[in-house]
C-alpha atoms as a PDB file:
ATOM      1  CA  MET A   1     -91.762  14.321-118.423  1.00  0.00           C
ATOM      2  CA  SER A   2     -90.502  10.821-117.760  1.00  0.00           C
ATOM      3  CA  PHE A   3     -88.635   8.876-120.441  1.00  0.00           C
ATOM      4  CA  PHE A   4     -90.073   5.547-119.199  1.00  0.00           C
ATOM      5  CA  SER A   5     -93.648   5.117-118.028  1.00  0.00           C
ATOM      6  CA  THR A   6     -93.013   2.133-115.741  1.00  0.00           C
ATOM      7  CA  LEU A   7     -90.202   0.453-113.840  1.00  0.00           C
ATOM      8  CA  ASP A   8     -90.871  -3.155-112.651  1.00  0.00           C
ATOM      9  CA  ALA A   9     -88.758  -5.497-110.639  1.00  0.00           C
ATOM     10  CA  VAL A  10     -89.830  -9.053-111.552  1.00  0.00           C
ATOM     11  CA  LYS A  11     -88.858 -12.642-110.838  1.00  0.00           C
ATOM     12  CA  SER A  12     -90.571 -15.542-112.442  1.00  0.00           C
ATOM     13  CA  SER A  13     -90.035 -19.257-111.553  1.00  0.00           C
ATOM     14  CA  THR A  14     -88.095 -19.831-114.847  1.00  0.00           C
ATOM     15  CA  ALA A  15     -86.164 -16.502-115.174  1.00  0.00           C
ATOM     16  CA  SER A  16     -83.773 -14.611-112.954  1.00  0.00           C
ATOM     17  CA  ALA A  17     -84.686 -11.410-111.228  1.00  0.00           C
ATOM     18  CA  GLU A  18     -85.022  -8.429-113.599  1.00  0.00           C
ATOM     19  CA  ILE A  19     -85.468  -4.768-113.589  1.00  0.00           C
ATOM     20  CA  VAL A  20     -87.672  -3.860-116.552  1.00  0.00           C
ATOM     21  CA  PHE A  21     -88.229  -0.311-117.999  1.00  0.00           C
ATOM     22  CA  THR A  22     -91.221   0.116-120.243  1.00  0.00           C
ATOM     23  CA  ASP A  23     -92.555   3.111-122.283  1.00  0.00           C
ATOM     24  CA  ARG A  24     -96.206   1.939-122.037  1.00  0.00           C
ATOM     25  CA  PRO A  25     -97.868  -0.885-120.198  1.00  0.00           C
ATOM     26  CA  GLY A  26     -97.054  -4.348-121.517  1.00  0.00           C
ATOM     27  CA  THR A  27     -94.370  -3.093-123.889  1.00  0.00           C
ATOM     28  CA  PHE A  28     -90.831  -4.277-122.951  1.00  0.00           C
ATOM     29  CA  THR A  29     -88.170  -1.596-123.690  1.00  0.00           C
ATOM     30  CA  TRP A  30     -85.103  -2.255-121.596  1.00  0.00           C
ATOM     31  CA  ALA A  31     -84.048  -4.696-118.893  1.00  0.00           C
ATOM     32  CA  ALA A  32     -81.217  -5.694-116.590  1.00  0.00           C
ATOM     33  CA  ASN A  33     -80.868  -8.995-114.797  1.00  0.00           C
ATOM     34  CA  VAL A  34     -78.290 -11.115-112.948  1.00  0.00           C
ATOM     35  CA  ARG A  35     -77.452 -14.637-114.083  1.00  0.00           C
ATOM     36  CA  ALA A  36     -74.695 -16.728-112.536  1.00  0.00           C
ATOM     37  CA  SER A  37     -73.001 -13.670-111.015  1.00  0.00           C
ATOM     38  CA  ASP A  38     -73.033 -11.826-114.395  1.00  0.00           C
ATOM     39  CA  ILE A  39     -75.087  -8.656-115.019  1.00  0.00           C
ATOM     40  CA  HIS A  40     -76.906  -8.592-118.348  1.00  0.00           C
ATOM     41  CA  PHE A  41     -78.351  -5.531-119.987  1.00  0.00           C
ATOM     42  CA  TYR A  42     -80.552  -5.880-123.040  1.00  0.00           C
ATOM     43  CA  THR A  43     -83.424  -4.517-125.044  1.00  0.00           C
ATOM     44  CA  ALA A  44     -86.181  -6.207-126.958  1.00  0.00           C
ATOM     45  CA  HIS A  45     -84.563  -5.170-130.209  1.00  0.00           C
ATOM     46  CA  GLN A  46     -81.642  -7.229-131.550  1.00  0.00           C
ATOM     47  CA  TYR A  47     -80.014  -7.883-128.128  1.00  0.00           C
ATOM     48  CA  ILE A  48     -78.500  -4.351-128.037  1.00  0.00           C
ATOM     49  CA  SER A  49     -77.801  -2.287-124.968  1.00  0.00           C
ATOM     50  CA  GLN A  50     -77.388   1.496-125.143  1.00  0.00           C
ATOM     51  CA  PHE A  51     -76.687   3.890-122.355  1.00  0.00           C
ATOM     52  CA  GLY A  52     -76.782   7.601-122.463  1.00  0.00           C
ATOM     53  CA  ASN A  53     -78.940  10.739-122.434  1.00  0.00           C
ATOM     54  CA  TYR A  54     -81.944  10.021-124.664  1.00  0.00           C
ATOM     55  CA  GLN A  55     -81.752  13.591-126.115  1.00  0.00           C
ATOM     56  CA  ASP A  56     -77.988  13.808-126.713  1.00  0.00           C
ATOM     57  CA  LEU A  57     -76.575  10.280-126.746  1.00  0.00           C
ATOM     58  CA  THR A  58     -72.944  10.675-125.549  1.00  0.00           C
ATOM     59  CA  MET A  59     -72.003   7.044-124.999  1.00  0.00           C
ATOM     60  CA  VAL A  60     -73.211   3.849-126.684  1.00  0.00           C
ATOM     61  CA  ILE A  61     -72.326   0.390-125.583  1.00  0.00           C
ATOM     62  CA  LYS A  62     -73.641  -2.072-128.139  1.00  0.00           C
ATOM     63  CA  SER A  63     -73.188  -5.786-128.178  1.00  0.00           C
ATOM     64  CA  THR A  64     -74.723  -7.917-130.827  1.00  0.00           C
ATOM     65  CA  GLN A  65     -75.401 -11.523-130.193  1.00  0.00           C
ATOM     66  CA  GLU A  66     -73.706 -12.678-133.411  1.00  0.00           C
ATOM     67  CA  GLY A  67     -70.395 -10.771-133.335  1.00  0.00           C
ATOM     68  CA  GLY A  68     -70.094  -9.637-129.816  1.00  0.00           C
ATOM     69  CA  ASN A  69     -68.668  -6.320-130.862  1.00  0.00           C
ATOM     70  CA  VAL A  70     -68.854  -3.338-128.533  1.00  0.00           C
ATOM     71  CA  GLY A  71     -69.081   0.255-129.653  1.00  0.00           C
ATOM     72  CA  ILE A  72     -68.532   3.492-127.675  1.00  0.00           C
ATOM     73  CA  GLY A  73     -69.782   6.505-129.463  1.00  0.00           C
ATOM     74  CA  THR A  74     -70.879   4.316-132.461  1.00  0.00           C
ATOM     75  CA  SER A  75     -73.882   2.171-133.146  1.00  0.00           C
ATOM     76  CA  ASN A  76     -71.958   0.198-135.880  1.00  0.00           C
ATOM     77  CA  PRO A  77     -68.895  -1.364-134.211  1.00  0.00           C
ATOM     78  CA  SER A  78     -66.696  -3.116-136.694  1.00  0.00           C
ATOM     79  CA  GLU A  79     -64.155  -4.525-134.281  1.00  0.00           C
ATOM     80  CA  ARG A  80     -64.376  -6.277-130.883  1.00  0.00           C
ATOM     81  CA  LEU A  81     -64.149  -2.744-129.473  1.00  0.00           C
ATOM     82  CA  SER A  82     -64.779   0.252-131.666  1.00  0.00           C
ATOM     83  CA  VAL A  83     -64.405   3.835-130.211  1.00  0.00           C
ATOM     84  CA  ASN A  84     -65.518   6.916-132.144  1.00  0.00           C
ATOM     85  CA  GLY A  85     -63.344   9.388-130.293  1.00  0.00           C
ATOM     86  CA  ARG A  86     -60.142   9.756-128.300  1.00  0.00           C
ATOM     87  CA  ILE A  87     -59.021   7.222-125.693  1.00  0.00           C
ATOM     88  CA  ARG A  88     -57.072   7.974-122.567  1.00  0.00           C
ATOM     89  CA  ALA A  89     -55.423   5.113-120.606  1.00  0.00           C
ATOM     90  CA  ARG A  90     -52.512   4.689-118.171  1.00  0.00           C
ATOM     91  CA  GLU A  91     -51.319   1.758-120.170  1.00  0.00           C
ATOM     92  CA  VAL A  92     -52.160  -0.204-123.283  1.00  0.00           C
ATOM     93  CA  LYS A  93     -50.719  -3.726-123.707  1.00  0.00           C
ATOM     94  CA  VAL A  94     -50.429  -5.003-127.218  1.00  0.00           C
ATOM     95  CA  ASP A  95     -49.471  -8.654-127.874  1.00  0.00           C
ATOM     96  CA  ASN A  96     -47.236  -8.982-130.931  1.00  0.00           C
ATOM     97  CA  GLN A  97     -45.711 -12.243-132.185  1.00  0.00           C
ATOM     98  CA  ASN A  98     -43.330 -10.704-134.679  1.00  0.00           C
ATOM     99  CA  TRP A  99     -40.884  -8.658-132.602  1.00  0.00           C
ATOM    100  CA  PRO A 100     -37.978  -7.491-134.840  1.00  0.00           C
ATOM    101  CA  ASP A 101     -34.958  -8.873-133.112  1.00  0.00           C
ATOM    102  CA  TYR A 102     -34.331 -10.707-136.402  1.00  0.00           C
ATOM    103  CA  VAL A 103     -32.648  -7.449-137.505  1.00  0.00           C
ATOM    104  CA  PHE A 104     -29.564  -8.579-135.573  1.00  0.00           C
ATOM    105  CA  ASP A 105     -29.382 -12.040-137.358  1.00  0.00           C
ATOM    106  CA  LYS A 106     -26.401 -12.321-139.672  1.00  0.00           C
ATOM    107  CA  THR A 107     -28.737 -13.247-142.483  1.00  0.00           C
ATOM    108  CA  TYR A 108     -30.736  -9.980-142.216  1.00  0.00           C
ATOM    109  CA  GLU A 109     -30.371  -7.871-145.337  1.00  0.00           C
ATOM    110  CA  LEU A 110     -29.792  -4.338-144.072  1.00  0.00           C
ATOM    111  CA  LYS A 111     -30.425  -1.779-146.759  1.00  0.00           C
ATOM    112  CA  SER A 112     -27.548   0.606-147.429  1.00  0.00           C
ATOM    113  CA  LEU A 113     -28.005   4.254-146.544  1.00  0.00           C
ATOM    114  CA  LYS A 114     -27.761   4.995-150.266  1.00  0.00           C
ATOM    115  CA  GLU A 115     -30.647   2.589-150.932  1.00  0.00           C
ATOM    116  CA  ILE A 116     -32.744   4.219-148.114  1.00  0.00           C
ATOM    117  CA  GLN A 117     -31.918   7.727-149.420  1.00  0.00           C
ATOM    118  CA  GLN A 118     -33.116   6.666-152.916  1.00  0.00           C
ATOM    119  CA  PHE A 119     -36.335   5.146-151.500  1.00  0.00           C
ATOM    120  CA  ILE A 120     -37.010   8.332-149.516  1.00  0.00           C
ATOM    121  CA  LYS A 121     -36.402  10.467-152.568  1.00  0.00           C
ATOM    122  CA  GLU A 122     -38.906   8.454-154.621  1.00  0.00           C
ATOM    123  CA  LYS A 123     -41.582   7.489-152.122  1.00  0.00           C
ATOM    124  CA  LYS A 124     -41.309  10.347-149.439  1.00  0.00           C
ATOM    125  CA  HIS A 125     -41.330   7.963-146.476  1.00  0.00           C
ATOM    126  CA  LEU A 126     -39.082   5.253-144.990  1.00  0.00           C
ATOM    127  CA  PRO A 127     -39.075   1.728-146.498  1.00  0.00           C
ATOM    128  CA  GLY A 128     -41.190  -0.675-144.524  1.00  0.00           C
ATOM    129  CA  VAL A 129     -43.185   2.153-142.944  1.00  0.00           C
ATOM    130  CA  PRO A 130     -46.669   2.901-144.147  1.00  0.00           C
ATOM    131  CA  SER A 131     -47.166   6.142-145.997  1.00  0.00           C
ATOM    132  CA  ALA A 132     -49.293   9.019-144.627  1.00  0.00           C
ATOM    133  CA  LYS A 133     -51.958   8.152-147.249  1.00  0.00           C
ATOM    134  CA  GLU A 134     -52.048   4.531-146.143  1.00  0.00           C
ATOM    135  CA  VAL A 135     -52.404   5.463-142.496  1.00  0.00           C
ATOM    136  CA  HIS A 136     -55.125   7.996-143.364  1.00  0.00           C
ATOM    137  CA  GLU A 137     -57.139   5.520-145.449  1.00  0.00           C
ATOM    138  CA  GLN A 138     -56.542   2.355-143.402  1.00  0.00           C
ATOM    139  CA  GLY A 139     -55.465   3.386-139.866  1.00  0.00           C
ATOM    140  CA  VAL A 140     -52.557   1.756-138.166  1.00  0.00           C
ATOM    141  CA  SER A 141     -52.283  -1.111-135.721  1.00  0.00           C
ATOM    142  CA  LEU A 142     -50.416   0.038-132.579  1.00  0.00           C
ATOM    143  CA  GLY A 143     -48.684  -3.265-132.139  1.00  0.00           C
ATOM    144  CA  GLU A 144     -47.604  -3.487-135.837  1.00  0.00           C
ATOM    145  CA  MET A 145     -46.398   0.193-135.744  1.00  0.00           C
ATOM    146  CA  ASN A 146     -44.421  -0.291-132.537  1.00  0.00           C
ATOM    147  CA  ALA A 147     -42.683  -3.317-134.233  1.00  0.00           C
ATOM    148  CA  ILE A 148     -42.007  -1.293-137.308  1.00  0.00           C
ATOM    149  CA  LEU A 149     -40.528   1.615-135.337  1.00  0.00           C
ATOM    150  CA  LEU A 150     -38.354  -0.796-133.234  1.00  0.00           C
ATOM    151  CA  ARG A 151     -37.099  -2.424-136.519  1.00  0.00           C
ATOM    152  CA  LYS A 152     -36.174   1.045-137.756  1.00  0.00           C
ATOM    153  CA  ILE A 153     -34.413   1.848-134.449  1.00  0.00           C
ATOM    154  CA  GLU A 154     -32.440  -1.411-134.653  1.00  0.00           C
ATOM    155  CA  GLU A 155     -31.497  -0.737-138.281  1.00  0.00           C
ATOM    156  CA  LEU A 156     -30.367   2.784-137.453  1.00  0.00           C
ATOM    157  CA  THR A 157     -28.350   1.283-134.509  1.00  0.00           C
ATOM    158  CA  LEU A 158     -26.587  -1.043-136.941  1.00  0.00           C
ATOM    159  CA  HIS A 159     -25.863   1.846-139.264  1.00  0.00           C
ATOM    160  CA  VAL A 160     -24.471   3.968-136.452  1.00  0.00           C
ATOM    161  CA  ILE A 161     -22.245   1.117-135.261  1.00  0.00           C
ATOM    162  CA  ALA A 162     -20.941   0.725-138.831  1.00  0.00           C
ATOM    163  CA  LEU A 163     -20.418   4.529-139.181  1.00  0.00           C
ATOM    164  CA  LYS A 164     -18.520   4.549-135.833  1.00  0.00           C
ATOM    165  CA  LYS A 165     -16.218   1.804-136.993  1.00  0.00           C
ATOM    166  CA  GLU A 166     -15.652   3.637-140.264  1.00  0.00           C
ATOM    167  CA  ASN A 167     -15.030   6.864-138.409  1.00  0.00           C
ATOM    168  CA  GLU A 168     -12.532   5.174-136.071  1.00  0.00           C
ATOM    169  CA  LYS A 169     -10.646   3.797-139.115  1.00  0.00           C
ATOM    170  CA  ILE A 170     -10.497   7.309-140.629  1.00  0.00           C
ATOM    171  CA  GLN A 171      -9.297   8.795-137.361  1.00  0.00           C
ATOM    172  CA  GLU A 172      -6.558   6.152-137.082  1.00  0.00           C
ATOM    173  CA  GLU A 173      -5.502   6.861-140.651  1.00  0.00           C
ATOM    174  CA  ASN A 174      -5.601  10.561-139.997  1.00  0.00           C
ATOM    175  CA  GLU A 175      -3.374  10.208-136.971  1.00  0.00           C
ATOM    176  CA  ARG A 176      -0.890   8.060-139.016  1.00  0.00           C
ATOM    177  CA  GLN A 177      -0.825  10.746-141.746  1.00  0.00           C
ATOM    178  CA  GLN A 178      -0.427  13.581-139.186  1.00  0.00           C
ATOM    179  CA  LEU A 179       2.486  11.719-137.639  1.00  0.00           C
ATOM    180  CA  ALA A 180       4.046  11.071-141.126  1.00  0.00           C
ATOM    181  CA  ILE A 181       3.694  14.773-142.003  1.00  0.00           C
ATOM    182  CA  LYS A 182       5.200  15.835-138.717  1.00  0.00           C
ATOM    183  CA  GLN A 183       8.184  13.418-139.282  1.00  0.00           C
ATOM    184  CA  ILE A 184       8.714  14.784-142.834  1.00  0.00           C
ATOM    185  CA  LEU A 185       8.604  18.338-141.615  1.00  0.00           C
ATOM    186  CA  GLU A 186      11.152  17.650-138.799  1.00  0.00           C
ATOM    187  CA  LYS A 187      13.751  16.386-141.307  1.00  0.00           C
END
């Protein structure tokens, strides 16, 4: 059994060359054409293109004329590209205008470890990081999350530097006290 009953290659004086699939004579179902070096795929229904096995649709590419959104595995894309499933890529580049180097400005108000500890005790997550519930309900932007994580790394780095300085002072004081004790014991 054939899914399409006819396949026509046509070229009119006003249109570009097309390959047209129909399910019955005279009924347009699906077409592909080339215009100005671009390949266009479309159907007669709402300017939508779908690809896949007609019995078990495994991939859908849908572009509406109004929004231009594309969906893979979904017929209702809500973003420029909506994927219903996992994505594998060698690299993903995310543009982000708000990179957190501002953490190193002298005017940045770094929360104390005591404040962070209290926040964690009350909220069960780090300040400035979305909660598990928020991520579950709203998802998370990769660019935004990378910036948040970098901000946390930079804040932790500042805390480690401060703790190292504090530790060095304690070590110096300890060495002075050890020397004083030794001198007292030698008398």
